[in-house]
PDB file of N, CA and C in Angstrom:
ATOM      1  N   MET A   1     100.751 113.616 119.080  1.00  0.00           N
ATOM      2  CA  MET A   1     101.717 113.472 118.021  1.00  0.00           C
ATOM      3  C   MET A   1     101.842 112.005 117.600  1.00  0.00           C
ATOM      4  N   ARG A   2     101.696 111.118 118.567  1.00  0.00           N
ATOM      5  CA  ARG A   2     101.742 109.702 118.210  1.00  0.00           C
ATOM      6  C   ARG A   2     100.578 109.334 117.287  1.00  0.00           C
ATOM      7  N   ALA A   3      99.401 109.848 117.608  1.00  0.00           N
ATOM      8  CA  ALA A   3      98.228 109.566 116.770  1.00  0.00           C
ATOM      9  C   ALA A   3      98.437 110.124 115.361  1.00  0.00           C
ATOM     10  N   LEU A   4      98.994 111.295 115.259  1.00  0.00           N
ATOM     11  CA  LEU A   4      99.275 111.872 113.947  1.00  0.00           C
ATOM     12  C   LEU A   4     100.251 110.990 113.186  1.00  0.00           C
ATOM     13  N   ARG A   5     101.320 110.605 113.844  1.00  0.00           N
ATOM     14  CA  ARG A   5     102.329 109.761 113.181  1.00  0.00           C
ATOM     15  C   ARG A   5     101.717 108.440 112.729  1.00  0.00           C
ATOM     16  N   GLU A   6     100.874 107.862 113.549  1.00  0.00           N
ATOM     17  CA  GLU A   6     100.255 106.580 113.204  1.00  0.00           C
ATOM     18  C   GLU A   6      99.255 106.707 112.062  1.00  0.00           C
ATOM     19  N   SER A   7      98.838 107.925 111.749  1.00  0.00           N
ATOM     20  CA  SER A   7      97.885 108.116 110.658  1.00  0.00           C
ATOM     21  C   SER A   7      98.550 108.113 109.282  1.00  0.00           C
ATOM     22  N   PHE A   8      99.880 108.185 109.225  1.00  0.00           N
ATOM     23  CA  PHE A   8     100.579 108.186 107.949  1.00  0.00           C
ATOM     24  C   PHE A   8     100.517 106.795 107.324  1.00  0.00           C
ATOM     25  N   PRO A   9     100.398 106.724 106.003  1.00  0.00           N
ATOM     26  CA  PRO A   9     100.438 105.419 105.336  1.00  0.00           C
ATOM     27  C   PRO A   9     101.769 104.722 105.615  1.00  0.00           C
ATOM     28  N   LEU A  10     101.736 103.410 105.776  1.00  0.00           N
ATOM     29  CA  LEU A  10     102.966 102.662 106.024  1.00  0.00           C
ATOM     30  C   LEU A  10     103.921 102.772 104.841  1.00  0.00           C
ATOM     31  N   GLU A  11     103.396 102.690 103.647  1.00  0.00           N
ATOM     32  CA  GLU A  11     104.196 102.818 102.431  1.00  0.00           C
ATOM     33  C   GLU A  11     103.765 104.094 101.713  1.00  0.00           C
ATOM     34  N   PRO A  12     104.450 105.182 101.956  1.00  0.00           N
ATOM     35  CA  PRO A  12     104.021 106.438 101.321  1.00  0.00           C
ATOM     36  C   PRO A  12     104.162 106.371  99.805  1.00  0.00           C
ATOM     37  N   GLY A  13     103.281 107.084  99.119  1.00  0.00           N
ATOM     38  CA  GLY A  13     103.359 107.158  97.674  1.00  0.00           C
ATOM     39  C   GLY A  13     104.471 108.086  97.217  1.00  0.00           C
ATOM     40  N   GLY A  14     105.008 108.858  98.111  1.00  0.00           N
ATOM     41  CA  GLY A  14     106.073 109.805  97.794  1.00  0.00           C
ATOM     42  C   GLY A  14     106.825 110.165  99.064  1.00  0.00           C
ATOM     43  N   ARG A  15     107.517 111.279  99.011  1.00  0.00           N
ATOM     44  CA  ARG A  15     108.273 111.729 100.179  1.00  0.00           C
ATOM     45  C   ARG A  15     107.339 112.385 101.190  1.00  0.00           C
ATOM     46  N   ARG A  16     107.810 112.476 102.412  1.00  0.00           N
ATOM     47  CA  ARG A  16     107.075 113.144 103.487  1.00  0.00           C
ATOM     48  C   ARG A  16     107.853 114.377 103.912  1.00  0.00           C
ATOM     49  N   LEU A  17     107.162 115.540 103.911  1.00  0.00           N
ATOM     50  CA  LEU A  17     107.777 116.803 104.328  1.00  0.00           C
ATOM     51  C   LEU A  17     107.023 117.328 105.540  1.00  0.00           C
ATOM     52  N   LEU A  18     107.752 117.728 106.558  1.00  0.00           N
ATOM     53  CA  LEU A  18     107.160 118.256 107.785  1.00  0.00           C
ATOM     54  C   LEU A  18     107.468 119.744 107.907  1.00  0.00           C
ATOM     55  N   VAL A  19     106.419 120.548 108.106  1.00  0.00           N
ATOM     56  CA  VAL A  19     106.563 121.958 108.465  1.00  0.00           C
ATOM     57  C   VAL A  19     106.156 122.037 109.924  1.00  0.00           C
ATOM     58  N   PHE A  20     107.058 122.514 110.780  1.00  0.00           N
ATOM     59  CA  PHE A  20     106.844 122.448 112.227  1.00  0.00           C
ATOM     60  C   PHE A  20     107.221 123.758 112.897  1.00  0.00           C
ATOM     61  N   ALA A  21     106.386 124.173 113.845  1.00  0.00           N
ATOM     62  CA  ALA A  21     106.669 125.298 114.740  1.00  0.00           C
ATOM     63  C   ALA A  21     106.000 124.979 116.067  1.00  0.00           C
ATOM     64  N   GLY A  22     106.500 125.555 117.153  1.00  0.00           N
ATOM     65  CA  GLY A  22     105.912 125.250 118.451  1.00  0.00           C
ATOM     66  C   GLY A  22     106.102 126.346 119.474  1.00  0.00           C
ATOM     67  N   SER A  23     105.334 126.217 120.536  1.00  0.00           N
ATOM     68  CA  SER A  23     105.388 127.164 121.654  1.00  0.00           C
ATOM     69  C   SER A  23     106.388 126.694 122.702  1.00  0.00           C
ATOM     70  N   ARG A  24     107.016 127.655 123.349  1.00  0.00           N
ATOM     71  CA  ARG A  24     108.028 127.355 124.368  1.00  0.00           C
ATOM     72  C   ARG A  24     107.510 126.501 125.524  1.00  0.00           C
ATOM     73  N   ASP A  25     106.223 126.604 125.821  1.00  0.00           N
ATOM     74  CA  ASP A  25     105.684 125.903 126.983  1.00  0.00           C
ATOM     75  C   ASP A  25     105.238 124.473 126.671  1.00  0.00           C
ATOM     76  N   LYS A  26     105.595 123.953 125.519  1.00  0.00           N
ATOM     77  CA  LYS A  26     105.241 122.588 125.124  1.00  0.00           C
ATOM     78  C   LYS A  26     106.471 121.694 125.135  1.00  0.00           C
ATOM     79  N   ASP A  27     106.240 120.386 125.129  1.00  0.00           N
ATOM     80  CA  ASP A  27     107.325 119.408 125.085  1.00  0.00           C
ATOM     81  C   ASP A  27     107.778 119.247 123.631  1.00  0.00           C
ATOM     82  N   LEU A  28     108.480 120.235 123.132  1.00  0.00           N
ATOM     83  CA  LEU A  28     108.883 120.246 121.734  1.00  0.00           C
ATOM     84  C   LEU A  28     109.874 119.136 121.415  1.00  0.00           C
ATOM     85  N   ALA A  29     110.780 118.840 122.336  1.00  0.00           N
ATOM     86  CA  ALA A  29     111.732 117.748 122.107  1.00  0.00           C
ATOM     87  C   ALA A  29     110.979 116.428 121.972  1.00  0.00           C
ATOM     88  N   GLY A  30     110.004 116.204 122.827  1.00  0.00           N
ATOM     89  CA  GLY A  30     109.205 114.987 122.749  1.00  0.00           C
ATOM     90  C   GLY A  30     108.395 114.917 121.469  1.00  0.00           C
ATOM     91  N   MET A  31     107.833 116.056 121.072  1.00  0.00           N
ATOM     92  CA  MET A  31     107.050 116.098 119.832  1.00  0.00           C
ATOM     93  C   MET A  31     107.929 115.767 118.627  1.00  0.00           C
ATOM     94  N   LEU A  32     109.091 116.382 118.568  1.00  0.00           N
ATOM     95  CA  LEU A  32     109.985 116.144 117.441  1.00  0.00           C
ATOM     96  C   LEU A  32     110.556 114.729 117.460  1.00  0.00           C
ATOM     97  N   ASP A  33     110.772 114.195 118.638  1.00  0.00           N
ATOM     98  CA  ASP A  33     111.270 112.830 118.756  1.00  0.00           C
ATOM     99  C   ASP A  33     110.281 111.836 118.142  1.00  0.00           C
ATOM    100  N   VAL A  34     108.999 112.091 118.330  1.00  0.00           N
ATOM    101  CA  VAL A  34     107.951 111.228 117.780  1.00  0.00           C
ATOM    102  C   VAL A  34     107.748 111.494 116.293  1.00  0.00           C
ATOM    103  N   LEU A  35     107.701 112.761 115.915  1.00  0.00           N
ATOM    104  CA  LEU A  35     107.334 113.120 114.547  1.00  0.00           C
ATOM    105  C   LEU A  35     108.454 113.025 113.524  1.00  0.00           C
ATOM    106  N   ALA A  36     109.650 113.395 113.872  1.00  0.00           N
ATOM    107  CA  ALA A  36     110.720 113.560 112.879  1.00  0.00           C
ATOM    108  C   ALA A  36     111.126 112.293 112.133  1.00  0.00           C
ATOM    109  N   PRO A  37     111.214 111.132 112.772  1.00  0.00           N
ATOM    110  CA  PRO A  37     111.779 109.970 112.070  1.00  0.00           C
ATOM    111  C   PRO A  37     111.151 109.587 110.728  1.00  0.00           C
ATOM    112  N   PRO A  38     109.827 109.618 110.558  1.00  0.00           N
ATOM    113  CA  PRO A  38     109.320 109.166 109.253  1.00  0.00           C
ATOM    114  C   PRO A  38     109.396 110.208 108.135  1.00  0.00           C
ATOM    115  N   PHE A  39     109.890 111.407 108.429  1.00  0.00           N
ATOM    116  CA  PHE A  39     109.912 112.464 107.415  1.00  0.00           C
ATOM    117  C   PHE A  39     111.245 112.504 106.675  1.00  0.00           C
ATOM    118  N   ASP A  40     111.122 112.731 105.369  1.00  0.00           N
ATOM    119  CA  ASP A  40     112.304 112.850 104.516  1.00  0.00           C
ATOM    120  C   ASP A  40     112.904 114.245 104.590  1.00  0.00           C
ATOM    121  N   ARG A  41     112.055 115.257 104.843  1.00  0.00           N
ATOM    122  CA  ARG A  41     112.486 116.645 104.952  1.00  0.00           C
ATOM    123  C   ARG A  41     111.771 117.292 106.116  1.00  0.00           C
ATOM    124  N   LEU A  42     112.487 118.128 106.844  1.00  0.00           N
ATOM    125  CA  LEU A  42     111.918 118.899 107.945  1.00  0.00           C
ATOM    126  C   LEU A  42     112.146 120.375 107.654  1.00  0.00           C
ATOM    127  N   ILE A  43     111.095 121.150 107.777  1.00  0.00           N
ATOM    128  CA  ILE A  43     111.194 122.596 107.597  1.00  0.00           C
ATOM    129  C   ILE A  43     110.706 123.224 108.897  1.00  0.00           C
ATOM    130  N   LEU A  44     111.615 123.813 109.629  1.00  0.00           N
ATOM    131  CA  LEU A  44     111.297 124.392 110.934  1.00  0.00           C
ATOM    132  C   LEU A  44     111.107 125.896 110.779  1.00  0.00           C
ATOM    133  N   THR A  45     110.097 126.416 111.463  1.00  0.00           N
ATOM    134  CA  THR A  45     109.769 127.825 111.340  1.00  0.00           C
ATOM    135  C   THR A  45     109.190 128.324 112.652  1.00  0.00           C
ATOM    136  N   ARG A  46     108.561 129.481 112.600  1.00  0.00           N
ATOM    137  CA  ARG A  46     107.852 130.010 113.770  1.00  0.00           C
ATOM    138  C   ARG A  46     106.539 130.591 113.286  1.00  0.00           C
ATOM    139  N   PHE A  47     105.581 130.670 114.177  1.00  0.00           N
ATOM    140  CA  PHE A  47     104.294 131.259 113.837  1.00  0.00           C
ATOM    141  C   PHE A  47     104.312 132.712 114.268  1.00  0.00           C
ATOM    142  N   ARG A  48     103.893 133.551 113.399  1.00  0.00           N
ATOM    143  CA  ARG A  48     103.809 134.995 113.648  1.00  0.00           C
ATOM    144  C   ARG A  48     104.867 135.491 114.625  1.00  0.00           C
ATOM    145  N   ASP A  49     104.713 136.679 115.087  1.00  0.00           N
ATOM    146  CA  ASP A  49     105.627 137.227 116.087  1.00  0.00           C
ATOM    147  C   ASP A  49     104.971 137.124 117.450  1.00  0.00           C
ATOM    148  N   SER A  50     105.255 136.040 118.130  1.00  0.00           N
ATOM    149  CA  SER A  50     104.672 135.791 119.444  1.00  0.00           C
ATOM    150  C   SER A  50     105.795 135.488 120.425  1.00  0.00           C
ATOM    151  N   PRO A  51     105.704 136.009 121.639  1.00  0.00           N
ATOM    152  CA  PRO A  51     106.725 135.691 122.629  1.00  0.00           C
ATOM    153  C   PRO A  51     106.719 134.211 123.009  1.00  0.00           C
ATOM    154  N   ARG A  52     105.628 133.505 122.746  1.00  0.00           N
ATOM    155  CA  ARG A  52     105.548 132.069 123.057  1.00  0.00           C
ATOM    156  C   ARG A  52     106.214 131.215 121.990  1.00  0.00           C
ATOM    157  N   ALA A  53     106.431 131.764 120.804  1.00  0.00           N
ATOM    158  CA  ALA A  53     106.995 130.991 119.696  1.00  0.00           C
ATOM    159  C   ALA A  53     108.464 130.665 119.964  1.00  0.00           C
ATOM    160  N   THR A  54     108.832 129.427 119.695  1.00  0.00           N
ATOM    161  CA  THR A  54     110.225 129.016 119.810  1.00  0.00           C
ATOM    162  C   THR A  54     110.934 129.332 118.501  1.00  0.00           C
ATOM    163  N   PRO A  55     112.039 130.047 118.543  1.00  0.00           N
ATOM    164  CA  PRO A  55     112.773 130.311 117.300  1.00  0.00           C
ATOM    165  C   PRO A  55     113.169 128.988 116.636  1.00  0.00           C
ATOM    166  N   PRO A  56     113.063 128.908 115.323  1.00  0.00           N
ATOM    167  CA  PRO A  56     113.364 127.645 114.651  1.00  0.00           C
ATOM    168  C   PRO A  56     114.805 127.181 114.853  1.00  0.00           C
ATOM    169  N   GLU A  57     115.715 128.111 115.069  1.00  0.00           N
ATOM    170  CA  GLU A  57     117.104 127.724 115.334  1.00  0.00           C
ATOM    171  C   GLU A  57     117.208 126.906 116.624  1.00  0.00           C
ATOM    172  N   GLU A  58     116.351 127.189 117.586  1.00  0.00           N
ATOM    173  CA  GLU A  58     116.334 126.412 118.828  1.00  0.00           C
ATOM    174  C   GLU A  58     115.692 125.050 118.611  1.00  0.00           C
ATOM    175  N   LEU A  59     114.747 124.962 117.689  1.00  0.00           N
ATOM    176  CA  LEU A  59     114.108 123.683 117.393  1.00  0.00           C
ATOM    177  C   LEU A  59     115.106 122.682 116.818  1.00  0.00           C
ATOM    178  N   VAL A  60     116.037 123.164 116.004  1.00  0.00           N
ATOM    179  CA  VAL A  60     117.035 122.278 115.406  1.00  0.00           C
ATOM    180  C   VAL A  60     117.792 121.520 116.484  1.00  0.00           C
ATOM    181  N   ALA A  61     118.146 122.190 117.551  1.00  0.00           N
ATOM    182  CA  ALA A  61     118.908 121.557 118.635  1.00  0.00           C
ATOM    183  C   ALA A  61     118.116 120.458 119.339  1.00  0.00           C
ATOM    184  N   LEU A  62     116.794 120.476 119.205  1.00  0.00           N
ATOM    185  CA  LEU A  62     115.948 119.472 119.844  1.00  0.00           C
ATOM    186  C   LEU A  62     115.751 118.225 118.992  1.00  0.00           C
ATOM    187  N   LEU A  63     116.183 118.275 117.760  1.00  0.00           N
ATOM    188  CA  LEU A  63     115.987 117.152 116.842  1.00  0.00           C
ATOM    189  C   LEU A  63     116.923 115.998 117.150  1.00  0.00           C
ATOM    190  N   PRO A  64     116.475 114.782 116.842  1.00  0.00           N
ATOM    191  CA  PRO A  64     117.431 113.667 116.859  1.00  0.00           C
ATOM    192  C   PRO A  64     118.552 113.985 115.862  1.00  0.00           C
ATOM    193  N   ALA A  65     119.779 113.646 116.201  1.00  0.00           N
ATOM    194  CA  ALA A  65     120.943 114.026 115.397  1.00  0.00           C
ATOM    195  C   ALA A  65     120.828 113.613 113.936  1.00  0.00           C
ATOM    196  N   ASP A  66     120.253 112.461 113.653  1.00  0.00           N
ATOM    197  CA  ASP A  66     120.176 111.990 112.268  1.00  0.00           C
ATOM    198  C   ASP A  66     119.185 112.780 111.422  1.00  0.00           C
ATOM    199  N   ARG A  67     118.365 113.620 112.009  1.00  0.00           N
ATOM    200  CA  ARG A  67     117.374 114.400 111.269  1.00  0.00           C
ATOM    201  C   ARG A  67     117.883 115.791 110.906  1.00  0.00           C
ATOM    202  N   ARG A  68     118.974 116.215 111.504  1.00  0.00           N
ATOM    203  CA  ARG A  68     119.461 117.581 111.275  1.00  0.00           C
ATOM    204  C   ARG A  68     119.948 117.805 109.848  1.00  0.00           C
ATOM    205  N   ALA A  69     120.489 116.767 109.214  1.00  0.00           N
ATOM    206  CA  ALA A  69     121.006 116.913 107.850  1.00  0.00           C
ATOM    207  C   ALA A  69     119.893 117.137 106.827  1.00  0.00           C
ATOM    208  N   VAL A  70     118.669 116.780 107.165  1.00  0.00           N
ATOM    209  CA  VAL A  70     117.550 116.937 106.228  1.00  0.00           C
ATOM    210  C   VAL A  70     116.623 118.078 106.660  1.00  0.00           C
ATOM    211  N   THR A  71     117.165 119.002 107.453  1.00  0.00           N
ATOM    212  CA  THR A  71     116.371 120.083 108.036  1.00  0.00           C
ATOM    213  C   THR A  71     116.760 121.438 107.468  1.00  0.00           C
ATOM    214  N   THR A  72     115.728 122.252 107.229  1.00  0.00           N
ATOM    215  CA  THR A  72     115.914 123.631 106.801  1.00  0.00           C
ATOM    216  C   THR A  72     115.202 124.521 107.813  1.00  0.00           C
ATOM    217  N   VAL A  73     115.800 125.654 108.125  1.00  0.00           N
ATOM    218  CA  VAL A  73     115.198 126.647 109.013  1.00  0.00           C
ATOM    219  C   VAL A  73     114.756 127.824 108.164  1.00  0.00           C
ATOM    220  N   VAL A  74     113.494 128.240 108.340  1.00  0.00           N
ATOM    221  CA  VAL A  74     112.983 129.405 107.626  1.00  0.00           C
ATOM    222  C   VAL A  74     112.338 130.365 108.611  1.00  0.00           C
ATOM    223  N   ALA A  75     112.247 131.621 108.235  1.00  0.00           N
ATOM    224  CA  ALA A  75     111.851 132.683 109.152  1.00  0.00           C
ATOM    225  C   ALA A  75     110.382 132.710 109.532  1.00  0.00           C
ATOM    226  N   ASN A  76     109.495 132.280 108.620  1.00  0.00           N
ATOM    227  CA  ASN A  76     108.066 132.415 108.920  1.00  0.00           C
ATOM    228  C   ASN A  76     107.255 131.337 108.203  1.00  0.00           C
ATOM    229  N   ALA A  77     105.975 131.255 108.558  1.00  0.00           N
ATOM    230  CA  ALA A  77     105.100 130.207 108.030  1.00  0.00           C
ATOM    231  C   ALA A  77     104.926 130.312 106.519  1.00  0.00           C
ATOM    232  N   ALA A  78     104.798 131.520 106.007  1.00  0.00           N
ATOM    233  CA  ALA A  78     104.614 131.685 104.561  1.00  0.00           C
ATOM    234  C   ALA A  78     105.821 131.148 103.798  1.00  0.00           C
ATOM    235  N   GLU A  79     106.998 131.473 104.270  1.00  0.00           N
ATOM    236  CA  GLU A  79     108.215 130.994 103.622  1.00  0.00           C
ATOM    237  C   GLU A  79     108.334 129.476 103.751  1.00  0.00           C
ATOM    238  N   ALA A  80     107.955 128.938 104.905  1.00  0.00           N
ATOM    239  CA  ALA A  80     108.000 127.489 105.114  1.00  0.00           C
ATOM    240  C   ALA A  80     107.075 126.775 104.134  1.00  0.00           C
ATOM    241  N   TRP A  81     105.867 127.308 103.953  1.00  0.00           N
ATOM    242  CA  TRP A  81     104.920 126.696 103.019  1.00  0.00           C
ATOM    243  C   TRP A  81     105.454 126.766 101.584  1.00  0.00           C
ATOM    244  N   ARG A  82     105.985 127.916 101.190  1.00  0.00           N
ATOM    245  CA  ARG A  82     106.538 128.050  99.839  1.00  0.00           C
ATOM    246  C   ARG A  82     107.672 127.049  99.613  1.00  0.00           C
ATOM    247  N   GLN A  83     108.518 126.886 100.603  1.00  0.00           N
ATOM    248  CA  GLN A  83     109.628 125.940 100.491  1.00  0.00           C
ATOM    249  C   GLN A  83     109.091 124.515 100.344  1.00  0.00           C
ATOM    250  N   ALA A  84     108.141 124.136 101.199  1.00  0.00           N
ATOM    251  CA  ALA A  84     107.574 122.788 101.135  1.00  0.00           C
ATOM    252  C   ALA A  84     106.906 122.543  99.788  1.00  0.00           C
ATOM    253  N   ARG A  85     106.103 123.486  99.334  1.00  0.00           N
ATOM    254  CA  ARG A  85     105.412 123.345  98.045  1.00  0.00           C
ATOM    255  C   ARG A  85     106.407 123.269  96.891  1.00  0.00           C
ATOM    256  N   GLY A  86     107.475 124.039  96.987  1.00  0.00           N
ATOM    257  CA  GLY A  86     108.485 124.022  95.937  1.00  0.00           C
ATOM    258  C   GLY A  86     109.233 122.703  95.856  1.00  0.00           C
ATOM    259  N   GLU A  87     109.402 122.042  96.984  1.00  0.00           N
ATOM    260  CA  GLU A  87     110.124 120.769  97.018  1.00  0.00           C
ATOM    261  C   GLU A  87     109.230 119.573  96.761  1.00  0.00           C
ATOM    262  N   ALA A  88     107.960 119.702  97.068  1.00  0.00           N
ATOM    263  CA  ALA A  88     107.038 118.558  97.013  1.00  0.00           C
ATOM    264  C   ALA A  88     106.678 118.204  95.579  1.00  0.00           C
ATOM    265  N   GLY A  89     106.673 116.912  95.329  1.00  0.00           N
ATOM    266  CA  GLY A  89     106.196 116.399  94.060  1.00  0.00           C
ATOM    267  C   GLY A  89     104.713 116.075  94.158  1.00  0.00           C
ATOM    268  N   GLU A  90     104.165 115.610  93.080  1.00  0.00           N
ATOM    269  CA  GLU A  90     102.733 115.334  92.984  1.00  0.00           C
ATOM    270  C   GLU A  90     102.241 114.335  94.031  1.00  0.00           C
ATOM    271  N   HIS A  91     103.055 113.360  94.397  1.00  0.00           N
ATOM    272  CA  HIS A  91     102.633 112.311  95.320  1.00  0.00           C
ATOM    273  C   HIS A  91     103.207 112.467  96.720  1.00  0.00           C
ATOM    274  N   ASP A  92     103.835 113.593  96.984  1.00  0.00           N
ATOM    275  CA  ASP A  92     104.437 113.822  98.296  1.00  0.00           C
ATOM    276  C   ASP A  92     103.401 114.329  99.293  1.00  0.00           C
ATOM    277  N   LEU A  93     103.671 114.093 100.565  1.00  0.00           N
ATOM    278  CA  LEU A  93     102.821 114.524 101.662  1.00  0.00           C
ATOM    279  C   LEU A  93     103.482 115.697 102.374  1.00  0.00           C
ATOM    280  N   ILE A  94     102.750 116.778 102.578  1.00  0.00           N
ATOM    281  CA  ILE A  94     103.230 117.903 103.381  1.00  0.00           C
ATOM    282  C   ILE A  94     102.373 117.932 104.641  1.00  0.00           C
ATOM    283  N   CYS A  95     103.006 117.824 105.787  1.00  0.00           N
ATOM    284  CA  CYS A  95     102.318 117.861 107.076  1.00  0.00           C
ATOM    285  C   CYS A  95     102.738 119.145 107.800  1.00  0.00           C
ATOM    286  N   VAL A  96     101.761 119.982 108.149  1.00  0.00           N
ATOM    287  CA  VAL A  96     102.008 121.222 108.884  1.00  0.00           C
ATOM    288  C   VAL A  96     101.450 121.011 110.287  1.00  0.00           C
ATOM    289  N   THR A  97     102.322 121.036 111.291  1.00  0.00           N
ATOM    290  CA  THR A  97     101.861 120.745 112.650  1.00  0.00           C
ATOM    291  C   THR A  97     102.822 121.308 113.684  1.00  0.00           C
ATOM    292  N   GLY A  98     102.495 121.047 114.939  1.00  0.00           N
ATOM    293  CA  GLY A  98     103.336 121.464 116.054  1.00  0.00           C
ATOM    294  C   GLY A  98     102.630 122.451 116.954  1.00  0.00           C
ATOM    295  N   SER A  99     101.863 123.342 116.342  1.00  0.00           N
ATOM    296  CA  SER A  99     101.170 124.366 117.108  1.00  0.00           C
ATOM    297  C   SER A  99      99.872 124.735 116.416  1.00  0.00           C
ATOM    298  N   VAL A 100      98.829 124.916 117.199  1.00  0.00           N
ATOM    299  CA  VAL A 100      97.579 125.390 116.615  1.00  0.00           C
ATOM    300  C   VAL A 100      97.768 126.811 116.085  1.00  0.00           C
ATOM    301  N   PHE A 101      98.714 127.553 116.636  1.00  0.00           N
ATOM    302  CA  PHE A 101      99.002 128.899 116.138  1.00  0.00           C
ATOM    303  C   PHE A 101      99.546 128.828 114.703  1.00  0.00           C
ATOM    304  N   LEU A 102     100.427 127.867 114.440  1.00  0.00           N
ATOM    305  CA  LEU A 102     100.954 127.685 113.089  1.00  0.00           C
ATOM    306  C   LEU A 102      99.831 127.283 112.145  1.00  0.00           C
ATOM    307  N   ALA A 103      99.006 126.344 112.574  1.00  0.00           N
ATOM    308  CA  ALA A 103      97.890 125.901 111.735  1.00  0.00           C
ATOM    309  C   ALA A 103      96.946 127.065 111.432  1.00  0.00           C
ATOM    310  N   ALA A 104      96.649 127.872 112.427  1.00  0.00           N
ATOM    311  CA  ALA A 104      95.760 129.019 112.214  1.00  0.00           C
ATOM    312  C   ALA A 104      96.407 130.033 111.278  1.00  0.00           C
ATOM    313  N   ASN A 105      97.685 130.295 111.481  1.00  0.00           N
ATOM    314  CA  ASN A 105      98.406 131.228 110.628  1.00  0.00           C
ATOM    315  C   ASN A 105      98.418 130.746 109.182  1.00  0.00           C
ATOM    316  N   CYS A 106      98.676 129.475 108.997  1.00  0.00           N
ATOM    317  CA  CYS A 106      98.689 128.907 107.650  1.00  0.00           C
ATOM    318  C   CYS A 106      97.289 128.835 107.067  1.00  0.00           C
ATOM    319  N   GLY A 107      96.318 128.462 107.881  1.00  0.00           N
ATOM    320  CA  GLY A 107      94.954 128.318 107.398  1.00  0.00           C
ATOM    321  C   GLY A 107      94.401 129.589 106.800  1.00  0.00           C
ATOM    322  N   ARG A 108      94.641 130.709 107.440  1.00  0.00           N
ATOM    323  CA  ARG A 108      94.183 131.992 106.900  1.00  0.00           C
ATOM    324  C   ARG A 108      94.815 132.263 105.542  1.00  0.00           C
ATOM    325  N   ARG A 109      96.085 131.989 105.430  1.00  0.00           N
ATOM    326  CA  ARG A 109      96.773 132.234 104.162  1.00  0.00           C
ATOM    327  C   ARG A 109      96.315 131.256 103.080  1.00  0.00           C
ATOM    328  N   TRP A 110      96.116 129.994 103.459  1.00  0.00           N
ATOM    329  CA  TRP A 110      95.669 129.019 102.466  1.00  0.00           C
ATOM    330  C   TRP A 110      94.319 129.420 101.904  1.00  0.00           C
ATOM    331  N   ARG A 111      93.415 129.861 102.765  1.00  0.00           N
ATOM    332  CA  ARG A 111      92.086 130.264 102.300  1.00  0.00           C
ATOM    333  C   ARG A 111      92.159 131.462 101.357  1.00  0.00           C
ATOM    334  N   ARG A 112      93.129 132.345 101.601  1.00  0.00           N
ATOM    335  CA  ARG A 112      93.315 133.518 100.723  1.00  0.00           C
ATOM    336  C   ARG A 112      94.212 133.210  99.545  1.00  0.00           C
ATOM    337  N   ARG A 113      94.747 131.981  99.520  1.00  0.00           N
ATOM    338  CA  ARG A 113      95.674 131.545  98.467  1.00  0.00           C
ATOM    339  C   ARG A 113      96.977 132.352  98.461  1.00  0.00           C
ATOM    340  N   ALA A 114      97.355 132.882  99.623  1.00  0.00           N
ATOM    341  CA  ALA A 114      98.574 133.688  99.705  1.00  0.00           C
ATOM    342  C   ALA A 114      99.837 132.834  99.607  1.00  0.00           C
ATOM    343  N   PHE A 115      99.720 131.529  99.848  1.00  0.00           N
ATOM    344  CA  PHE A 115     100.899 130.664  99.801  1.00  0.00           C
ATOM    345  C   PHE A 115     101.164 130.122  98.407  1.00  0.00           C
ATOM    346  N   VAL A 116     100.175 130.112  97.566  1.00  0.00           N
ATOM    347  CA  VAL A 116     100.300 129.435  96.282  1.00  0.00           C
ATOM    348  C   VAL A 116     101.168 130.231  95.333  1.00  0.00           C
TER     349      VAL A 116
END
């Protein structure tokens, strides 16, 4: 997560939006502690229906307190992507991360254009 955060431009051309979901067996608090600060908006969700998925309502409690006011909870990856795309401007960055399950779930839909 540190490497991902360090890959962001120092001076973004627009806002930064994070779509995040994670598995219960990961250090989600640590991940969010590293990732959340540079983002203007956080959209928390879950990947598919998996017993390993952490409900997004539980993810909110793991956030640094100052990030909760800019956070939205959505039920699934498709809804999270639609929300991010709807809020993002032409120069904004949308980062989808936290779990390879989320990336895989989103990747299939992106290839089919189901999110657009």
